[in-house]
Amino acid sequence: MNLSIKLLADILNDTDHVFLKWVLGKIANWKNVIEHKNLIHIHGTADRLFLFKYVKCGISVKDGGHFMTVNKAKELSAIIRQLL
């Protein structure tokens, strides 16, 4: 099993189901009206939880998924170092 899929499965299995239902409802119905000027959004093009085509981000990571901090750590670190 893919490491990211196993990690997600473990997280979901360890999460309280009432809380998980609440979180998913909040995410699905979130209507953001504030655009923060000092925010830098880094998003993976292969994120299957928050689909890239629906996201406005400043920096995209090719083939980065929702857990790209695990499998794209070096690339993310390089981006953050460059920003700092």
Protein backbone atom coordinates (compact mmCIF):
# COMPACT_ATOMS: atom_id res chain seq x y z
CA MET A 1 0.00 0.00 0.00
CA ASN A 2 1.22 3.48 -0.88
CA LEU A 3 2.69 5.27 2.18
CA SER A 4 0.41 8.31 1.74
CA ILE A 5 -2.71 6.15 1.46
CA LYS A 6 -1.72 4.14 4.54
CA LEU A 7 -1.01 7.33 6.48
CA LEU A 8 -4.41 8.77 5.52
CA ALA A 9 -6.15 5.49 6.44
CA ASP A 10 -4.40 5.47 9.84
CA ILE A 11 -5.39 9.09 10.49
CA LEU A 12 -9.02 8.44 9.53
CA ASN A 13 -9.18 5.29 11.66
CA ASP A 14 -7.77 7.19 14.67
CA THR A 15 -10.08 10.20 14.27
CA ASP A 16 -13.35 10.50 16.17
CA HIS A 17 -16.13 9.92 13.63
CA VAL A 18 -18.34 12.74 14.96
CA PHE A 19 -15.42 15.16 14.66
CA LEU A 20 -14.54 13.87 11.18
CA LYS A 21 -18.11 14.40 9.97
CA TRP A 22 -18.08 17.94 11.40
CA VAL A 23 -14.72 18.75 9.75
CA LEU A 24 -15.77 17.44 6.35
CA GLY A 25 -18.98 19.47 6.53
CA LYS A 26 -17.05 22.64 7.39
CA ILE A 27 -14.59 22.09 4.54
CA ALA A 28 -17.30 21.31 2.00
CA ASN A 29 -19.35 24.39 2.92
CA TRP A 30 -16.57 26.91 3.61
CA LYS A 31 -17.11 30.25 1.91
CA ASN A 32 -13.93 32.26 2.30
CA VAL A 33 -14.41 36.00 1.83
CA ILE A 34 -11.06 37.25 3.12
CA GLU A 35 -8.01 37.28 0.87
CA HIS A 36 -4.88 37.61 2.96
CA LYS A 37 -2.19 39.57 1.12
CA ASN A 38 0.73 38.17 3.15
CA LEU A 39 -0.24 34.51 2.72
CA ILE A 40 1.73 32.21 0.43
CA HIS A 41 -0.23 29.12 -0.57
CA ILE A 42 1.77 26.10 -1.70
CA HIS A 43 -0.41 23.37 -3.19
CA GLY A 44 0.24 20.06 -4.93
CA THR A 45 -1.09 19.47 -8.41
CA ALA A 46 -2.01 15.88 -7.50
CA ASP A 47 -3.88 16.62 -4.25
CA ARG A 48 -6.94 14.36 -4.30
CA LEU A 49 -8.55 15.80 -1.16
CA PHE A 50 -8.43 19.46 -2.23
CA LEU A 51 -8.38 19.25 -6.01
CA PHE A 52 -5.83 21.56 -7.61
CA LYS A 53 -8.26 22.74 -10.29
CA TYR A 54 -10.43 24.36 -7.58
CA VAL A 55 -7.57 26.00 -5.67
CA LYS A 56 -6.01 29.42 -6.18
CA CYS A 57 -2.43 29.12 -5.01
CA GLY A 58 0.74 31.10 -5.41
CA ILE A 59 3.06 28.13 -5.78
CA SER A 60 2.24 24.70 -7.16
CA VAL A 61 4.24 21.52 -6.63
CA LYS A 62 4.09 19.17 -9.61
CA ASP A 63 2.66 15.78 -8.63
CA GLY A 64 2.40 16.89 -4.99
CA GLY A 65 -0.42 15.22 -3.09
CA HIS A 66 -2.16 16.02 0.18
CA PHE A 67 0.71 14.44 2.12
CA MET A 68 3.50 15.96 0.05
CA THR A 69 5.24 16.98 3.27
CA VAL A 70 6.13 13.27 3.49
CA ASN A 71 7.20 12.47 -0.07
CA LYS A 72 8.15 15.94 -1.37
CA ALA A 73 9.89 17.25 1.76
CA LYS A 74 13.11 18.27 0.01
CA GLU A 75 11.25 20.19 -2.69
CA LEU A 76 9.02 21.93 -0.14
CA SER A 77 12.01 22.81 2.04
CA ALA A 78 13.78 24.34 -0.97
CA ILE A 79 10.69 26.45 -1.79
CA ILE A 80 10.35 27.66 1.80
CA ARG A 81 14.09 28.41 2.08
CA GLN A 82 13.91 30.46 -1.11
CA LEU A 83 10.90 32.40 0.23
CA LEU A 84 12.66 33.18 3.49
